[in-house]
Amino acid sequence: MATENISFNVLKHELVPEHDLLPEEEVEKILEKFKITRDQLPKIKTNDAAIKVLENVYERPIQEGSVIKIVRKSETAELFVAYRLVVGS
């Protein structure tokens, strides 16, 4: 299913930061860099609107345990990167 079939693509709204599904090898590098475990990441639920759009983009369900990279534009830091662990609804 393409993102055009979604009634409203929240990821295209100017106030919603960029969301991207990370490949597992990049997740491992991030966890090692910050010396944390996957469970220590902030959470995002599988029923979040951004996750639903990403499922259409990747044309598959986003599994629990996946990690989403969120890039926010900031006036002070230019870009702020956050990571979220996908958990059940």
C-alpha atoms as a PDB file:
ATOM      1  CA  MET A   1       0.000   0.000   0.000  1.00  0.00           C
ATOM      2  CA  ALA A   2       1.448   3.383  -0.945  1.00  0.00           C
ATOM      3  CA  THR A   3       1.367   6.459   1.289  1.00  0.00           C
ATOM      4  CA  GLU A   4      -1.041   8.098  -1.181  1.00  0.00           C
ATOM      5  CA  ASN A   5      -3.748   5.704   0.089  1.00  0.00           C
ATOM      6  CA  ILE A   6      -3.565   7.092   3.615  1.00  0.00           C
ATOM      7  CA  SER A   7      -6.281   9.658   4.306  1.00  0.00           C
ATOM      8  CA  PHE A   8      -3.761  11.957   6.021  1.00  0.00           C
ATOM      9  CA  ASN A   9      -0.007  11.380   5.980  1.00  0.00           C
ATOM     10  CA  VAL A  10       1.147  12.836   9.300  1.00  0.00           C
ATOM     11  CA  LEU A  11       4.794  12.638   8.235  1.00  0.00           C
ATOM     12  CA  LYS A  12       4.196  15.289   5.592  1.00  0.00           C
ATOM     13  CA  HIS A  13       2.961  17.845   8.144  1.00  0.00           C
ATOM     14  CA  GLU A  14       5.471  20.642   8.788  1.00  0.00           C
ATOM     15  CA  LEU A  15       5.296  20.201  12.569  1.00  0.00           C
ATOM     16  CA  VAL A  16       5.964  16.438  12.527  1.00  0.00           C
ATOM     17  CA  PRO A  17       9.653  15.489  12.605  1.00  0.00           C
ATOM     18  CA  GLU A  18      11.210  13.037  10.170  1.00  0.00           C
ATOM     19  CA  HIS A  19      10.723   9.373  11.186  1.00  0.00           C
ATOM     20  CA  ASP A  20      12.722   6.458   9.794  1.00  0.00           C
ATOM     21  CA  LEU A  21      12.989   2.753  10.570  1.00  0.00           C
ATOM     22  CA  LEU A  22      16.568   1.809  11.433  1.00  0.00           C
ATOM     23  CA  PRO A  23      18.193  -1.373  10.139  1.00  0.00           C
ATOM     24  CA  GLU A  24      19.285  -3.763  12.905  1.00  0.00           C
ATOM     25  CA  GLU A  25      23.028  -3.186  12.349  1.00  0.00           C
ATOM     26  CA  GLU A  26      22.557   0.565  12.882  1.00  0.00           C
ATOM     27  CA  VAL A  27      20.494  -0.092  16.022  1.00  0.00           C
ATOM     28  CA  GLU A  28      23.360  -2.124  17.486  1.00  0.00           C
ATOM     29  CA  LYS A  29      25.812   0.716  16.776  1.00  0.00           C
ATOM     30  CA  ILE A  30      23.529   3.266  18.462  1.00  0.00           C
ATOM     31  CA  LEU A  31      23.028   1.087  21.543  1.00  0.00           C
ATOM     32  CA  GLU A  32      26.779   0.532  21.816  1.00  0.00           C
ATOM     33  CA  LYS A  33      27.552   4.224  21.310  1.00  0.00           C
ATOM     34  CA  PHE A  34      25.238   5.289  24.141  1.00  0.00           C
ATOM     35  CA  LYS A  35      25.987   2.193  26.257  1.00  0.00           C
ATOM     36  CA  ILE A  36      22.311   1.399  26.754  1.00  0.00           C
ATOM     37  CA  THR A  37      19.982  -1.520  26.160  1.00  0.00           C
ATOM     38  CA  ARG A  38      17.059  -1.487  23.766  1.00  0.00           C
ATOM     39  CA  ASP A  39      14.587  -1.367  26.697  1.00  0.00           C
ATOM     40  CA  GLN A  40      16.153   1.889  27.929  1.00  0.00           C
ATOM     41  CA  LEU A  41      15.048   3.762  24.811  1.00  0.00           C
ATOM     42  CA  PRO A  42      11.923   5.928  24.950  1.00  0.00           C
ATOM     43  CA  LYS A  43       8.898   4.117  23.510  1.00  0.00           C
ATOM     44  CA  ILE A  44       6.550   4.602  20.560  1.00  0.00           C
ATOM     45  CA  LYS A  45       3.429   2.461  20.205  1.00  0.00           C
ATOM     46  CA  THR A  46       2.588   0.336  17.190  1.00  0.00           C
ATOM     47  CA  ASN A  47      -0.705   2.221  16.817  1.00  0.00           C
ATOM     48  CA  ASP A  48       1.024   5.637  16.592  1.00  0.00           C
ATOM     49  CA  ALA A  49       0.029   7.479  13.414  1.00  0.00           C
ATOM     50  CA  ALA A  50       3.686   7.812  12.328  1.00  0.00           C
ATOM     51  CA  ILE A  51       4.190   4.038  12.652  1.00  0.00           C
ATOM     52  CA  LYS A  52       1.103   3.395  10.529  1.00  0.00           C
ATOM     53  CA  VAL A  53       2.495   5.653   7.787  1.00  0.00           C
ATOM     54  CA  LEU A  54       5.919   3.949   7.983  1.00  0.00           C
ATOM     55  CA  GLU A  55       4.215   0.570   7.570  1.00  0.00           C
ATOM     56  CA  ASN A  56       2.774   1.831   4.301  1.00  0.00           C
ATOM     57  CA  VAL A  57       6.135   3.273   3.221  1.00  0.00           C
ATOM     58  CA  TYR A  58       7.991   0.001   3.926  1.00  0.00           C
ATOM     59  CA  GLU A  59       5.011  -2.090   2.770  1.00  0.00           C
ATOM     60  CA  ARG A  60       5.190  -4.328   5.832  1.00  0.00           C
ATOM     61  CA  PRO A  61       4.267  -4.197   9.521  1.00  0.00           C
ATOM     62  CA  ILE A  62       6.728  -2.467  11.851  1.00  0.00           C
ATOM     63  CA  GLN A  63       7.524  -5.126  14.448  1.00  0.00           C
ATOM     64  CA  GLU A  64       7.698  -4.579  18.195  1.00  0.00           C
ATOM     65  CA  GLY A  65      11.358  -4.214  19.155  1.00  0.00           C
ATOM     66  CA  SER A  66      12.179  -2.168  16.051  1.00  0.00           C
ATOM     67  CA  VAL A  67      13.833   1.217  16.525  1.00  0.00           C
ATOM     68  CA  ILE A  68      12.670   4.445  14.902  1.00  0.00           C
ATOM     69  CA  LYS A  69      15.030   7.375  14.339  1.00  0.00           C
ATOM     70  CA  ILE A  70      13.351  10.770  14.741  1.00  0.00           C
ATOM     71  CA  VAL A  71      15.091  13.900  13.463  1.00  0.00           C
ATOM     72  CA  ARG A  72      13.720  17.222  14.682  1.00  0.00           C
ATOM     73  CA  LYS A  73      14.721  20.619  13.380  1.00  0.00           C
ATOM     74  CA  SER A  74      15.809  22.895  16.216  1.00  0.00           C
ATOM     75  CA  GLU A  75      16.554  26.609  16.282  1.00  0.00           C
ATOM     76  CA  THR A  76      19.327  26.085  18.828  1.00  0.00           C
ATOM     77  CA  ALA A  77      20.785  22.696  17.865  1.00  0.00           C
ATOM     78  CA  GLU A  78      19.917  22.743  14.136  1.00  0.00           C
ATOM     79  CA  LEU A  79      19.042  19.028  14.225  1.00  0.00           C
ATOM     80  CA  PHE A  80      18.111  16.894  17.219  1.00  0.00           C
ATOM     81  CA  VAL A  81      18.112  13.101  16.785  1.00  0.00           C
ATOM     82  CA  ALA A  82      16.078  10.839  19.039  1.00  0.00           C
ATOM     83  CA  TYR A  83      15.439   7.099  18.968  1.00  0.00           C
ATOM     84  CA  ARG A  84      12.250   5.271  19.967  1.00  0.00           C
ATOM     85  CA  LEU A  85      11.608   1.591  20.637  1.00  0.00           C
ATOM     86  CA  VAL A  86       8.434   0.268  19.018  1.00  0.00           C
ATOM     87  CA  VAL A  87       6.165  -1.375  21.609  1.00  0.00           C
ATOM     88  CA  GLY A  88       2.667  -2.874  21.449  1.00  0.00           C
ATOM     89  CA  SER A  89      -0.409  -0.689  21.686  1.00  0.00           C
END
